[in-house]
Amino acid sequence: MSGRDAPDVNANDVLAFAVEVLAVVLLAAWGATLGTTPAAHVLGGVLVPAAAIVAWSLFAAPRAVVRVSALAVATKVLVLGGAALASFAVLPPGWAVTATVVIVVNTVLTWIGPFARPLSRG
């Protein structure tokens, strides 16, 4: 792979991937609290993050199937915002605040500033 073919990845991109993984974990943990039966806990713990992953891969991923900027932004707000809210349901308050700050700052830096990525998708 030559230098021109190498992907343009910066530190915020790496952190963004970690934030996306964190979001899936937080949504799974929150989903596992839903319902009153063990089956409901398992279904929630599997279906909530699965829905987030499907939505992300369809609309928000770098190689998304549907390339519409508004849908990408809406999906990121829904998934990452949901993860921030879920953090307050499943983490101690200090960790929830920390997770939320990291999610928000990282997301803002992907849109504004030196690490910004263009939103023009289609």
PDB file of N, CA and C in Angstrom:
ATOM      1  N   MET A   1       0.847  -1.163   0.000  1.00  0.00           N
ATOM      2  CA  MET A   1       0.000   0.000   0.000  1.00  0.00           C
ATOM      3  C   MET A   1       0.893   1.227   0.000  1.00  0.00           C
ATOM      4  N   SER A   2       0.718   2.107  -0.958  1.00  0.00           N
ATOM      5  CA  SER A   2       1.529   3.318  -1.019  1.00  0.00           C
ATOM      6  C   SER A   2       0.976   4.362  -0.065  1.00  0.00           C
ATOM      7  N   GLY A   3       1.727   5.446   0.143  1.00  0.00           N
ATOM      8  CA  GLY A   3       1.309   6.507   1.044  1.00  0.00           C
ATOM      9  C   GLY A   3      -0.008   7.137   0.641  1.00  0.00           C
ATOM     10  N   ARG A   4      -0.278   7.212  -0.655  1.00  0.00           N
ATOM     11  CA  ARG A   4      -1.538   7.821  -1.116  1.00  0.00           C
ATOM     12  C   ARG A   4      -2.728   6.904  -0.872  1.00  0.00           C
ATOM     13  N   ASP A   5      -2.500   5.606  -0.794  1.00  0.00           N
ATOM     14  CA  ASP A   5      -3.591   4.667  -0.589  1.00  0.00           C
ATOM     15  C   ASP A   5      -3.911   4.459   0.887  1.00  0.00           C
ATOM     16  N   ALA A   6      -3.029   4.910   1.764  1.00  0.00           N
ATOM     17  CA  ALA A   6      -3.235   4.710   3.199  1.00  0.00           C
ATOM     18  C   ALA A   6      -4.430   5.528   3.667  1.00  0.00           C
ATOM     19  N   PRO A   7      -5.239   4.966   4.562  1.00  0.00           N
ATOM     20  CA  PRO A   7      -6.390   5.711   5.062  1.00  0.00           C
ATOM     21  C   PRO A   7      -5.934   6.916   5.890  1.00  0.00           C
ATOM     22  N   ASP A   8      -6.686   7.982   5.817  1.00  0.00           N
ATOM     23  CA  ASP A   8      -6.397   9.193   6.576  1.00  0.00           C
ATOM     24  C   ASP A   8      -7.058   9.064   7.946  1.00  0.00           C
ATOM     25  N   VAL A   9      -6.318   8.567   8.915  1.00  0.00           N
ATOM     26  CA  VAL A   9      -6.852   8.322  10.248  1.00  0.00           C
ATOM     27  C   VAL A   9      -6.089   9.181  11.241  1.00  0.00           C
ATOM     28  N   ASN A  10      -6.832   9.872  12.104  1.00  0.00           N
ATOM     29  CA  ASN A  10      -6.194  10.678  13.133  1.00  0.00           C
ATOM     30  C   ASN A  10      -6.581  10.146  14.515  1.00  0.00           C
ATOM     31  N   ALA A  11      -6.036  10.761  15.548  1.00  0.00           N
ATOM     32  CA  ALA A  11      -6.273  10.288  16.917  1.00  0.00           C
ATOM     33  C   ALA A  11      -7.749  10.327  17.280  1.00  0.00           C
ATOM     34  N   ASN A  12      -8.466  11.339  16.810  1.00  0.00           N
ATOM     35  CA  ASN A  12      -9.887  11.422  17.134  1.00  0.00           C
ATOM     36  C   ASN A  12     -10.684  10.306  16.463  1.00  0.00           C
ATOM     37  N   ASP A  13     -10.238   9.846  15.292  1.00  0.00           N
ATOM     38  CA  ASP A  13     -10.902   8.721  14.627  1.00  0.00           C
ATOM     39  C   ASP A  13     -10.774   7.448  15.460  1.00  0.00           C
ATOM     40  N   VAL A  14      -9.590   7.249  16.023  1.00  0.00           N
ATOM     41  CA  VAL A  14      -9.372   6.068  16.872  1.00  0.00           C
ATOM     42  C   VAL A  14     -10.252   6.163  18.110  1.00  0.00           C
ATOM     43  N   LEU A  15     -10.297   7.341  18.724  1.00  0.00           N
ATOM     44  CA  LEU A  15     -11.158   7.534  19.888  1.00  0.00           C
ATOM     45  C   LEU A  15     -12.626   7.375  19.505  1.00  0.00           C
ATOM     46  N   ALA A  16     -12.996   7.851  18.310  1.00  0.00           N
ATOM     47  CA  ALA A  16     -14.382   7.712  17.852  1.00  0.00           C
ATOM     48  C   ALA A  16     -14.775   6.239  17.767  1.00  0.00           C
ATOM     49  N   PHE A  17     -13.874   5.401  17.282  1.00  0.00           N
ATOM     50  CA  PHE A  17     -14.174   3.968  17.220  1.00  0.00           C
ATOM     51  C   PHE A  17     -14.371   3.408  18.629  1.00  0.00           C
ATOM     52  N   ALA A  18     -13.513   3.805  19.556  1.00  0.00           N
ATOM     53  CA  ALA A  18     -13.656   3.350  20.940  1.00  0.00           C
ATOM     54  C   ALA A  18     -14.980   3.836  21.539  1.00  0.00           C
ATOM     55  N   VAL A  19     -15.373   5.055  21.210  1.00  0.00           N
ATOM     56  CA  VAL A  19     -16.649   5.589  21.690  1.00  0.00           C
ATOM     57  C   VAL A  19     -17.815   4.792  21.105  1.00  0.00           C
ATOM     58  N   GLU A  20     -17.714   4.406  19.849  1.00  0.00           N
ATOM     59  CA  GLU A  20     -18.773   3.610  19.223  1.00  0.00           C
ATOM     60  C   GLU A  20     -18.889   2.240  19.892  1.00  0.00           C
ATOM     61  N   VAL A  21     -17.764   1.626  20.211  1.00  0.00           N
ATOM     62  CA  VAL A  21     -17.785   0.344  20.922  1.00  0.00           C
ATOM     63  C   VAL A  21     -18.385   0.538  22.312  1.00  0.00           C
ATOM     64  N   LEU A  22     -17.970   1.602  23.000  1.00  0.00           N
ATOM     65  CA  LEU A  22     -18.527   1.922  24.316  1.00  0.00           C
ATOM     66  C   LEU A  22     -20.041   2.096  24.226  1.00  0.00           C
ATOM     67  N   ALA A  23     -20.507   2.771  23.179  1.00  0.00           N
ATOM     68  CA  ALA A  23     -21.947   2.984  23.005  1.00  0.00           C
ATOM     69  C   ALA A  23     -22.686   1.656  22.901  1.00  0.00           C
ATOM     70  N   VAL A  24     -22.147   0.723  22.139  1.00  0.00           N
ATOM     71  CA  VAL A  24     -22.793  -0.589  21.999  1.00  0.00           C
ATOM     72  C   VAL A  24     -22.826  -1.320  23.349  1.00  0.00           C
ATOM     73  N   VAL A  25     -21.737  -1.250  24.088  1.00  0.00           N
ATOM     74  CA  VAL A  25     -21.672  -1.907  25.403  1.00  0.00           C
ATOM     75  C   VAL A  25     -22.677  -1.276  26.367  1.00  0.00           C
ATOM     76  N   LEU A  26     -22.731   0.047  26.396  1.00  0.00           N
ATOM     77  CA  LEU A  26     -23.683   0.728  27.281  1.00  0.00           C
ATOM     78  C   LEU A  26     -25.125   0.403  26.905  1.00  0.00           C
ATOM     79  N   LEU A  27     -25.419   0.382  25.622  1.00  0.00           N
ATOM     80  CA  LEU A  27     -26.774   0.041  25.183  1.00  0.00           C
ATOM     81  C   LEU A  27     -27.121  -1.405  25.524  1.00  0.00           C
ATOM     82  N   ALA A  28     -26.147  -2.300  25.409  1.00  0.00           N
ATOM     83  CA  ALA A  28     -26.385  -3.702  25.778  1.00  0.00           C
ATOM     84  C   ALA A  28     -26.652  -3.826  27.274  1.00  0.00           C
ATOM     85  N   ALA A  29     -25.852  -3.130  28.075  1.00  0.00           N
ATOM     86  CA  ALA A  29     -26.045  -3.185  29.525  1.00  0.00           C
ATOM     87  C   ALA A  29     -27.406  -2.614  29.912  1.00  0.00           C
ATOM     88  N   TRP A  30     -27.795  -1.506  29.284  1.00  0.00           N
ATOM     89  CA  TRP A  30     -29.109  -0.930  29.579  1.00  0.00           C
ATOM     90  C   TRP A  30     -30.223  -1.856  29.084  1.00  0.00           C
ATOM     91  N   GLY A  31     -30.061  -2.394  27.886  1.00  0.00           N
ATOM     92  CA  GLY A  31     -31.074  -3.301  27.348  1.00  0.00           C
ATOM     93  C   GLY A  31     -31.287  -4.516  28.232  1.00  0.00           C
ATOM     94  N   ALA A  32     -30.214  -4.958  28.887  1.00  0.00           N
ATOM     95  CA  ALA A  32     -30.316  -6.129  29.766  1.00  0.00           C
ATOM     96  C   ALA A  32     -31.072  -5.824  31.054  1.00  0.00           C
ATOM     97  N   THR A  33     -31.341  -4.549  31.317  1.00  0.00           N
ATOM     98  CA  THR A  33     -32.124  -4.204  32.510  1.00  0.00           C
ATOM     99  C   THR A  33     -33.614  -4.149  32.216  1.00  0.00           C
ATOM    100  N   LEU A  34     -33.985  -4.239  30.961  1.00  0.00           N
ATOM    101  CA  LEU A  34     -35.388  -4.135  30.580  1.00  0.00           C
ATOM    102  C   LEU A  34     -36.144  -5.419  30.923  1.00  0.00           C
ATOM    103  N   GLY A  35     -37.403  -5.283  31.222  1.00  0.00           N
ATOM    104  CA  GLY A  35     -38.241  -6.444  31.498  1.00  0.00           C
ATOM    105  C   GLY A  35     -38.055  -6.970  32.906  1.00  0.00           C
ATOM    106  N   THR A  36     -38.807  -8.028  33.197  1.00  0.00           N
ATOM    107  CA  THR A  36     -38.772  -8.603  34.545  1.00  0.00           C
ATOM    108  C   THR A  36     -38.351 -10.065  34.564  1.00  0.00           C
ATOM    109  N   THR A  37     -38.203 -10.659  33.398  1.00  0.00           N
ATOM    110  CA  THR A  37     -37.824 -12.074  33.350  1.00  0.00           C
ATOM    111  C   THR A  37     -36.414 -12.203  32.783  1.00  0.00           C
ATOM    112  N   PRO A  38     -35.766 -13.318  33.082  1.00  0.00           N
ATOM    113  CA  PRO A  38     -34.439 -13.531  32.496  1.00  0.00           C
ATOM    114  C   PRO A  38     -34.462 -13.483  30.968  1.00  0.00           C
ATOM    115  N   ALA A  39     -35.501 -14.008  30.361  1.00  0.00           N
ATOM    116  CA  ALA A  39     -35.597 -13.984  28.899  1.00  0.00           C
ATOM    117  C   ALA A  39     -35.666 -12.549  28.388  1.00  0.00           C
ATOM    118  N   ALA A  40     -36.414 -11.692  29.075  1.00  0.00           N
ATOM    119  CA  ALA A  40     -36.526 -10.291  28.673  1.00  0.00           C
ATOM    120  C   ALA A  40     -35.181  -9.583  28.824  1.00  0.00           C
ATOM    121  N   HIS A  41     -34.448  -9.914  29.884  1.00  0.00           N
ATOM    122  CA  HIS A  41     -33.124  -9.313  30.080  1.00  0.00           C
ATOM    123  C   HIS A  41     -32.185  -9.701  28.938  1.00  0.00           C
ATOM    124  N   VAL A  42     -32.208 -10.967  28.571  1.00  0.00           N
ATOM    125  CA  VAL A  42     -31.341 -11.434  27.480  1.00  0.00           C
ATOM    126  C   VAL A  42     -31.764 -10.794  26.153  1.00  0.00           C
ATOM    127  N   LEU A  43     -33.068 -10.795  25.878  1.00  0.00           N
ATOM    128  CA  LEU A  43     -33.544 -10.187  24.629  1.00  0.00           C
ATOM    129  C   LEU A  43     -33.193  -8.701  24.560  1.00  0.00           C
ATOM    130  N   GLY A  44     -33.403  -7.988  25.652  1.00  0.00           N
ATOM    131  CA  GLY A  44     -33.055  -6.565  25.676  1.00  0.00           C
ATOM    132  C   GLY A  44     -31.568  -6.348  25.489  1.00  0.00           C
ATOM    133  N   GLY A  45     -30.770  -7.190  26.144  1.00  0.00           N
ATOM    134  CA  GLY A  45     -29.322  -7.068  26.060  1.00  0.00           C
ATOM    135  C   GLY A  45     -28.774  -7.398  24.682  1.00  0.00           C
ATOM    136  N   VAL A  46     -29.545  -8.129  23.899  1.00  0.00           N
ATOM    137  CA  VAL A  46     -29.113  -8.484  22.544  1.00  0.00           C
ATOM    138  C   VAL A  46     -29.763  -7.573  21.495  1.00  0.00           C
ATOM    139  N   LEU A  47     -31.061  -7.340  21.622  1.00  0.00           N
ATOM    140  CA  LEU A  47     -31.779  -6.607  20.578  1.00  0.00           C
ATOM    141  C   LEU A  47     -31.493  -5.106  20.564  1.00  0.00           C
ATOM    142  N   VAL A  48     -31.326  -4.500  21.737  1.00  0.00           N
ATOM    143  CA  VAL A  48     -31.060  -3.052  21.759  1.00  0.00           C
ATOM    144  C   VAL A  48     -29.735  -2.733  21.058  1.00  0.00           C
ATOM    145  N   PRO A  49     -28.625  -3.379  21.433  1.00  0.00           N
ATOM    146  CA  PRO A  49     -27.383  -3.056  20.711  1.00  0.00           C
ATOM    147  C   PRO A  49     -27.420  -3.526  19.256  1.00  0.00           C
ATOM    148  N   ALA A  50     -28.124  -4.600  18.982  1.00  0.00           N
ATOM    149  CA  ALA A  50     -28.221  -5.068  17.592  1.00  0.00           C
ATOM    150  C   ALA A  50     -28.918  -4.028  16.727  1.00  0.00           C
ATOM    151  N   ALA A  51     -29.973  -3.421  17.245  1.00  0.00           N
ATOM    152  CA  ALA A  51     -30.673  -2.371  16.496  1.00  0.00           C
ATOM    153  C   ALA A  51     -29.748  -1.179  16.257  1.00  0.00           C
ATOM    154  N   ALA A  52     -28.963  -0.825  17.262  1.00  0.00           N
ATOM    155  CA  ALA A  52     -28.017   0.288  17.113  1.00  0.00           C
ATOM    156  C   ALA A  52     -26.961  -0.033  16.060  1.00  0.00           C
ATOM    157  N   ILE A  53     -26.454  -1.255  16.080  1.00  0.00           N
ATOM    158  CA  ILE A  53     -25.431  -1.670  15.115  1.00  0.00           C
ATOM    159  C   ILE A  53     -25.984  -1.663  13.693  1.00  0.00           C
ATOM    160  N   VAL A  54     -27.188  -2.164  13.526  1.00  0.00           N
ATOM    161  CA  VAL A  54     -27.806  -2.188  12.192  1.00  0.00           C
ATOM    162  C   VAL A  54     -28.024  -0.763  11.686  1.00  0.00           C
ATOM    163  N   ALA A  55     -28.578   0.099  12.536  1.00  0.00           N
ATOM    164  CA  ALA A  55     -28.811   1.488  12.129  1.00  0.00           C
ATOM    165  C   ALA A  55     -27.490   2.172  11.774  1.00  0.00           C
ATOM    166  N   TRP A  56     -26.470   1.949  12.622  1.00  0.00           N
ATOM    167  CA  TRP A  56     -25.164   2.579  12.373  1.00  0.00           C
ATOM    168  C   TRP A  56     -24.582   2.108  11.042  1.00  0.00           C
ATOM    169  N   SER A  57     -24.649   0.799  10.791  1.00  0.00           N
ATOM    170  CA  SER A  57     -24.062   0.279   9.547  1.00  0.00           C
ATOM    171  C   SER A  57     -24.840   0.738   8.317  1.00  0.00           C
ATOM    172  N   LEU A  58     -26.134   0.943   8.470  1.00  0.00           N
ATOM    173  CA  LEU A  58     -26.932   1.414   7.333  1.00  0.00           C
ATOM    174  C   LEU A  58     -26.719   2.890   7.041  1.00  0.00           C
ATOM    175  N   PHE A  59     -26.595   3.717   8.085  1.00  0.00           N
ATOM    176  CA  PHE A  59     -26.630   5.163   7.886  1.00  0.00           C
ATOM    177  C   PHE A  59     -25.395   5.945   8.325  1.00  0.00           C
ATOM    178  N   ALA A  60     -24.640   5.474   9.325  1.00  0.00           N
ATOM    179  CA  ALA A  60     -23.601   6.319   9.922  1.00  0.00           C
ATOM    180  C   ALA A  60     -22.171   5.832   9.718  1.00  0.00           C
ATOM    181  N   ALA A  61     -21.987   4.594   9.328  1.00  0.00           N
ATOM    182  CA  ALA A  61     -20.642   4.047   9.169  1.00  0.00           C
ATOM    183  C   ALA A  61     -19.928   4.699   7.982  1.00  0.00           C
ATOM    184  N   PRO A  62     -18.595   4.692   7.989  1.00  0.00           N
ATOM    185  CA  PRO A  62     -17.865   5.257   6.850  1.00  0.00           C
ATOM    186  C   PRO A  62     -18.263   4.622   5.511  1.00  0.00           C
ATOM    187  N   ARG A  63     -18.603   3.369   5.528  1.00  0.00           N
ATOM    188  CA  ARG A  63     -19.049   2.690   4.308  1.00  0.00           C
ATOM    189  C   ARG A  63     -20.532   2.338   4.404  1.00  0.00           C
ATOM    190  N   ALA A  64     -21.327   3.296   4.867  1.00  0.00           N
ATOM    191  CA  ALA A  64     -22.760   3.081   5.071  1.00  0.00           C
ATOM    192  C   ALA A  64     -23.448   2.696   3.765  1.00  0.00           C
ATOM    193  N   VAL A  65     -24.480   1.890   3.902  1.00  0.00           N
ATOM    194  CA  VAL A  65     -25.266   1.454   2.746  1.00  0.00           C
ATOM    195  C   VAL A  65     -26.049   2.634   2.170  1.00  0.00           C
ATOM    196  N   VAL A  66     -26.656   3.427   3.055  1.00  0.00           N
ATOM    197  CA  VAL A  66     -27.433   4.597   2.657  1.00  0.00           C
ATOM    198  C   VAL A  66     -26.608   5.828   3.002  1.00  0.00           C
ATOM    199  N   ARG A  67     -26.226   6.594   1.986  1.00  0.00           N
ATOM    200  CA  ARG A  67     -25.336   7.748   2.202  1.00  0.00           C
ATOM    201  C   ARG A  67     -26.123   9.052   2.112  1.00  0.00           C
ATOM    202  N   VAL A  68     -26.806   9.386   3.204  1.00  0.00           N
ATOM    203  CA  VAL A  68     -27.553  10.642   3.302  1.00  0.00           C
ATOM    204  C   VAL A  68     -27.098  11.325   4.587  1.00  0.00           C
ATOM    205  N   SER A  69     -26.547  12.532   4.457  1.00  0.00           N
ATOM    206  CA  SER A  69     -25.969  13.235   5.605  1.00  0.00           C
ATOM    207  C   SER A  69     -26.944  13.367   6.770  1.00  0.00           C
ATOM    208  N   ALA A  70     -28.184  13.738   6.490  1.00  0.00           N
ATOM    209  CA  ALA A  70     -29.164  13.938   7.555  1.00  0.00           C
ATOM    210  C   ALA A  70     -29.414  12.636   8.323  1.00  0.00           C
ATOM    211  N   LEU A  71     -29.465  11.526   7.610  1.00  0.00           N
ATOM    212  CA  LEU A  71     -29.670  10.236   8.281  1.00  0.00           C
ATOM    213  C   LEU A  71     -28.442   9.829   9.083  1.00  0.00           C
ATOM    214  N   ALA A  72     -27.259  10.150   8.580  1.00  0.00           N
ATOM    215  CA  ALA A  72     -26.028   9.847   9.313  1.00  0.00           C
ATOM    216  C   ALA A  72     -25.987  10.618  10.624  1.00  0.00           C
ATOM    217  N   VAL A  73     -26.301  11.905  10.560  1.00  0.00           N
ATOM    218  CA  VAL A  73     -26.295  12.731  11.770  1.00  0.00           C
ATOM    219  C   VAL A  73     -27.374  12.258  12.740  1.00  0.00           C
ATOM    220  N   ALA A  74     -28.570  11.999  12.238  1.00  0.00           N
ATOM    221  CA  ALA A  74     -29.663  11.542  13.106  1.00  0.00           C
ATOM    222  C   ALA A  74     -29.315  10.220  13.789  1.00  0.00           C
ATOM    223  N   THR A  75     -28.702   9.315  13.056  1.00  0.00           N
ATOM    224  CA  THR A  75     -28.317   8.024  13.625  1.00  0.00           C
ATOM    225  C   THR A  75     -27.260   8.202  14.700  1.00  0.00           C
ATOM    226  N   LYS A  76     -26.266   9.048  14.429  1.00  0.00           N
ATOM    227  CA  LYS A  76     -25.220   9.287  15.428  1.00  0.00           C
ATOM    228  C   LYS A  76     -25.805   9.918  16.684  1.00  0.00           C
ATOM    229  N   VAL A  77     -26.699  10.880  16.515  1.00  0.00           N
ATOM    230  CA  VAL A  77     -27.324  11.522  17.672  1.00  0.00           C
ATOM    231  C   VAL A  77     -28.151  10.501  18.459  1.00  0.00           C
ATOM    232  N   LEU A  78     -28.919   9.675  17.764  1.00  0.00           N
ATOM    233  CA  LEU A  78     -29.758   8.680  18.430  1.00  0.00           C
ATOM    234  C   LEU A  78     -28.923   7.637  19.164  1.00  0.00           C
ATOM    235  N   VAL A  79     -27.948   7.050  18.492  1.00  0.00           N
ATOM    236  CA  VAL A  79     -27.150   5.982  19.094  1.00  0.00           C
ATOM    237  C   VAL A  79     -26.239   6.519  20.195  1.00  0.00           C
ATOM    238  N   LEU A  80     -25.478   7.568  19.888  1.00  0.00           N
ATOM    239  CA  LEU A  80     -24.549   8.097  20.883  1.00  0.00           C
ATOM    240  C   LEU A  80     -25.290   8.811  22.016  1.00  0.00           C
ATOM    241  N   GLY A  81     -26.367   9.506  21.685  1.00  0.00           N
ATOM    242  CA  GLY A  81     -27.186  10.128  22.730  1.00  0.00           C
ATOM    243  C   GLY A  81     -27.846   9.088  23.612  1.00  0.00           C
ATOM    244  N   GLY A  82     -28.332   8.021  22.983  1.00  0.00           N
ATOM    245  CA  GLY A  82     -28.918   6.925  23.758  1.00  0.00           C
ATOM    246  C   GLY A  82     -27.905   6.272  24.673  1.00  0.00           C
ATOM    247  N   ALA A  83     -26.681   6.133  24.183  1.00  0.00           N
ATOM    248  CA  ALA A  83     -25.618   5.556  25.011  1.00  0.00           C
ATOM    249  C   ALA A  83     -25.286   6.461  26.184  1.00  0.00           C
ATOM    250  N   ALA A  84     -25.261   7.776  25.934  1.00  0.00           N
ATOM    251  CA  ALA A  84     -24.998   8.715  27.030  1.00  0.00           C
ATOM    252  C   ALA A  84     -26.090   8.615  28.085  1.00  0.00           C
ATOM    253  N   LEU A  85     -27.341   8.555  27.656  1.00  0.00           N
ATOM    254  CA  LEU A  85     -28.445   8.389  28.614  1.00  0.00           C
ATOM    255  C   LEU A  85     -28.364   7.037  29.325  1.00  0.00           C
ATOM    256  N   ALA A  86     -28.037   5.997  28.576  1.00  0.00           N
ATOM    257  CA  ALA A  86     -27.920   4.662  29.169  1.00  0.00           C
ATOM    258  C   ALA A  86     -26.827   4.619  30.219  1.00  0.00           C
ATOM    259  N   SER A  87     -25.773   5.407  30.024  1.00  0.00           N
ATOM    260  CA  SER A  87     -24.677   5.402  31.002  1.00  0.00           C
ATOM    261  C   SER A  87     -25.167   5.810  32.382  1.00  0.00           C
ATOM    262  N   PHE A  88     -26.151   6.710  32.447  1.00  0.00           N
ATOM    263  CA  PHE A  88     -26.689   7.137  33.742  1.00  0.00           C
ATOM    264  C   PHE A  88     -27.562   6.063  34.385  1.00  0.00           C
ATOM    265  N   ALA A  89     -28.038   5.112  33.586  1.00  0.00           N
ATOM    266  CA  ALA A  89     -28.846   4.021  34.130  1.00  0.00           C
ATOM    267  C   ALA A  89     -27.999   2.850  34.601  1.00  0.00           C
ATOM    268  N   VAL A  90     -26.791   2.699  34.046  1.00  0.00           N
ATOM    269  CA  VAL A  90     -26.007   1.494  34.337  1.00  0.00           C
ATOM    270  C   VAL A  90     -24.662   1.759  35.006  1.00  0.00           C
ATOM    271  N   LEU A  91     -24.241   3.010  35.096  1.00  0.00           N
ATOM    272  CA  LEU A  91     -22.935   3.333  35.683  1.00  0.00           C
ATOM    273  C   LEU A  91     -23.116   4.216  36.915  1.00  0.00           C
ATOM    274  N   PRO A  92     -22.125   4.209  37.797  1.00  0.00           N
ATOM    275  CA  PRO A  92     -22.148   5.193  38.889  1.00  0.00           C
ATOM    276  C   PRO A  92     -22.115   6.606  38.288  1.00  0.00           C
ATOM    277  N   PRO A  93     -22.678   7.591  38.985  1.00  0.00           N
ATOM    278  CA  PRO A  93     -22.795   8.947  38.420  1.00  0.00           C
ATOM    279  C   PRO A  93     -21.496   9.544  37.886  1.00  0.00           C
ATOM    280  N   GLY A  94     -20.399   9.392  38.591  1.00  0.00           N
ATOM    281  CA  GLY A  94     -19.130   9.952  38.115  1.00  0.00           C
ATOM    282  C   GLY A  94     -18.692   9.356  36.798  1.00  0.00           C
ATOM    283  N   TRP A  95     -18.824   8.057  36.664  1.00  0.00           N
ATOM    284  CA  TRP A  95     -18.455   7.383  35.412  1.00  0.00           C
ATOM    285  C   TRP A  95     -19.428   7.746  34.291  1.00  0.00           C
ATOM    286  N   ALA A  96     -20.703   7.902  34.633  1.00  0.00           N
ATOM    287  CA  ALA A  96     -21.695   8.281  33.623  1.00  0.00           C
ATOM    288  C   ALA A  96     -21.392   9.673  33.076  1.00  0.00           C
ATOM    289  N   VAL A  97     -21.043  10.600  33.951  1.00  0.00           N
ATOM    290  CA  VAL A  97     -20.689  11.948  33.502  1.00  0.00           C
ATOM    291  C   VAL A  97     -19.443  11.892  32.627  1.00  0.00           C
ATOM    292  N   THR A  98     -18.447  11.124  33.056  1.00  0.00           N
ATOM    293  CA  THR A  98     -17.213  10.990  32.277  1.00  0.00           C
ATOM    294  C   THR A  98     -17.495  10.410  30.892  1.00  0.00           C
ATOM    295  N   ALA A  99     -18.276   9.344  30.842  1.00  0.00           N
ATOM    296  CA  ALA A  99     -18.617   8.719  29.556  1.00  0.00           C
ATOM    297  C   ALA A  99     -19.356   9.705  28.662  1.00  0.00           C
ATOM    298  N   THR A 100     -20.292  10.438  29.235  1.00  0.00           N
ATOM    299  CA  THR A 100     -21.071  11.399  28.454  1.00  0.00           C
ATOM    300  C   THR A 100     -20.189  12.518  27.916  1.00  0.00           C
ATOM    301  N   VAL A 101     -19.281  13.033  28.734  1.00  0.00           N
ATOM    302  CA  VAL A 101     -18.379  14.094  28.286  1.00  0.00           C
ATOM    303  C   VAL A 101     -17.495  13.583  27.145  1.00  0.00           C
ATOM    304  N   VAL A 102     -16.956  12.380  27.278  1.00  0.00           N
ATOM    305  CA  VAL A 102     -16.109  11.820  26.220  1.00  0.00           C
ATOM    306  C   VAL A 102     -16.916  11.644  24.933  1.00  0.00           C
ATOM    307  N   ILE A 103     -18.128  11.124  25.040  1.00  0.00           N
ATOM    308  CA  ILE A 103     -18.984  10.928  23.863  1.00  0.00           C
ATOM    309  C   ILE A 103     -19.265  12.259  23.185  1.00  0.00           C
ATOM    310  N   VAL A 104     -19.656  13.257  23.962  1.00  0.00           N
ATOM    311  CA  VAL A 104     -20.028  14.555  23.385  1.00  0.00           C
ATOM    312  C   VAL A 104     -18.813  15.257  22.772  1.00  0.00           C
ATOM    313  N   VAL A 105     -17.711  15.327  23.504  1.00  0.00           N
ATOM    314  CA  VAL A 105     -16.524  16.026  22.993  1.00  0.00           C
ATOM    315  C   VAL A 105     -15.995  15.341  21.737  1.00  0.00           C
ATOM    316  N   ASN A 106     -15.903  14.018  21.765  1.00  0.00           N
ATOM    317  CA  ASN A 106     -15.418  13.297  20.593  1.00  0.00           C
ATOM    318  C   ASN A 106     -16.323  13.516  19.390  1.00  0.00           C
ATOM    319  N   THR A 107     -17.626  13.475  19.595  1.00  0.00           N
ATOM    320  CA  THR A 107     -18.563  13.659  18.491  1.00  0.00           C
ATOM    321  C   THR A 107     -18.477  15.065  17.936  1.00  0.00           C
ATOM    322  N   VAL A 108     -18.413  16.064  18.801  1.00  0.00           N
ATOM    323  CA  VAL A 108     -18.287  17.446  18.333  1.00  0.00           C
ATOM    324  C   VAL A 108     -16.995  17.620  17.537  1.00  0.00           C
ATOM    325  N   LEU A 109     -15.903  17.012  18.011  1.00  0.00           N
ATOM    326  CA  LEU A 109     -14.622  17.141  17.308  1.00  0.00           C
ATOM    327  C   LEU A 109     -14.620  16.437  15.950  1.00  0.00           C
ATOM    328  N   THR A 110     -15.520  15.486  15.740  1.00  0.00           N
ATOM    329  CA  THR A 110     -15.593  14.872  14.416  1.00  0.00           C
ATOM    330  C   THR A 110     -16.288  15.795  13.424  1.00  0.00           C
ATOM    331  N   TRP A 111     -17.061  16.780  13.928  1.00  0.00           N
ATOM    332  CA  TRP A 111     -17.801  17.690  13.061  1.00  0.00           C
ATOM    333  C   TRP A 111     -17.180  19.086  12.986  1.00  0.00           C
ATOM    334  N   ILE A 112     -16.477  19.506  14.060  1.00  0.00           N
ATOM    335  CA  ILE A 112     -15.951  20.872  14.149  1.00  0.00           C
ATOM    336  C   ILE A 112     -14.499  20.813  14.621  1.00  0.00           C
ATOM    337  N   GLY A 113     -13.659  21.625  14.040  1.00  0.00           N
ATOM    338  CA  GLY A 113     -12.291  21.728  14.525  1.00  0.00           C
ATOM    339  C   GLY A 113     -11.284  20.988  13.662  1.00  0.00           C
ATOM    340  N   PRO A 114     -10.078  20.806  14.208  1.00  0.00           N
ATOM    341  CA  PRO A 114      -8.978  20.254  13.406  1.00  0.00           C
ATOM    342  C   PRO A 114      -9.173  18.787  12.998  1.00  0.00           C
ATOM    343  N   PHE A 115     -10.046  18.058  13.684  1.00  0.00           N
ATOM    344  CA  PHE A 115     -10.269  16.642  13.364  1.00  0.00           C
ATOM    345  C   PHE A 115     -11.543  16.429  12.562  1.00  0.00           C
ATOM    346  N   ALA A 116     -12.187  17.499  12.136  1.00  0.00           N
ATOM    347  CA  ALA A 116     -13.489  17.415  11.473  1.00  0.00           C
ATOM    348  C   ALA A 116     -13.430  16.596  10.189  1.00  0.00           C
ATOM    349  N   ARG A 117     -14.511  15.887   9.946  1.00  0.00           N
ATOM    350  CA  ARG A 117     -14.680  15.106   8.722  1.00  0.00           C
ATOM    351  C   ARG A 117     -15.849  15.698   7.948  1.00  0.00           C
ATOM    352  N   PRO A 118     -15.767  15.730   6.629  1.00  0.00           N
ATOM    353  CA  PRO A 118     -16.889  16.281   5.858  1.00  0.00           C
ATOM    354  C   PRO A 118     -18.137  15.418   6.008  1.00  0.00           C
ATOM    355  N   LEU A 119     -19.282  16.078   6.052  1.00  0.00           N
ATOM    356  CA  LEU A 119     -20.555  15.370   6.144  1.00  0.00           C
ATOM    357  C   LEU A 119     -21.175  15.099   4.792  1.00  0.00           C
ATOM    358  N   SER A 120     -20.613  15.639   3.738  1.00  0.00           N
ATOM    359  CA  SER A 120     -21.216  15.460   2.404  1.00  0.00           C
ATOM    360  C   SER A 120     -21.151  13.995   2.007  1.00  0.00           C
ATOM    361  N   ARG A 121     -22.325  13.365   2.037  1.00  0.00           N
ATOM    362  CA  ARG A 121     -22.411  11.943   1.725  1.00  0.00           C
ATOM    363  C   ARG A 121     -23.363  11.699   0.567  1.00  0.00           C
ATOM    364  N   GLY A 122     -24.210  12.599   0.261  1.00  0.00           N
ATOM    365  CA  GLY A 122     -25.127  12.335  -0.840  1.00  0.00           C
ATOM    366  C   GLY A 122     -26.363  13.134  -0.805  1.00  0.00           C
TER     367      GLY A 122
END
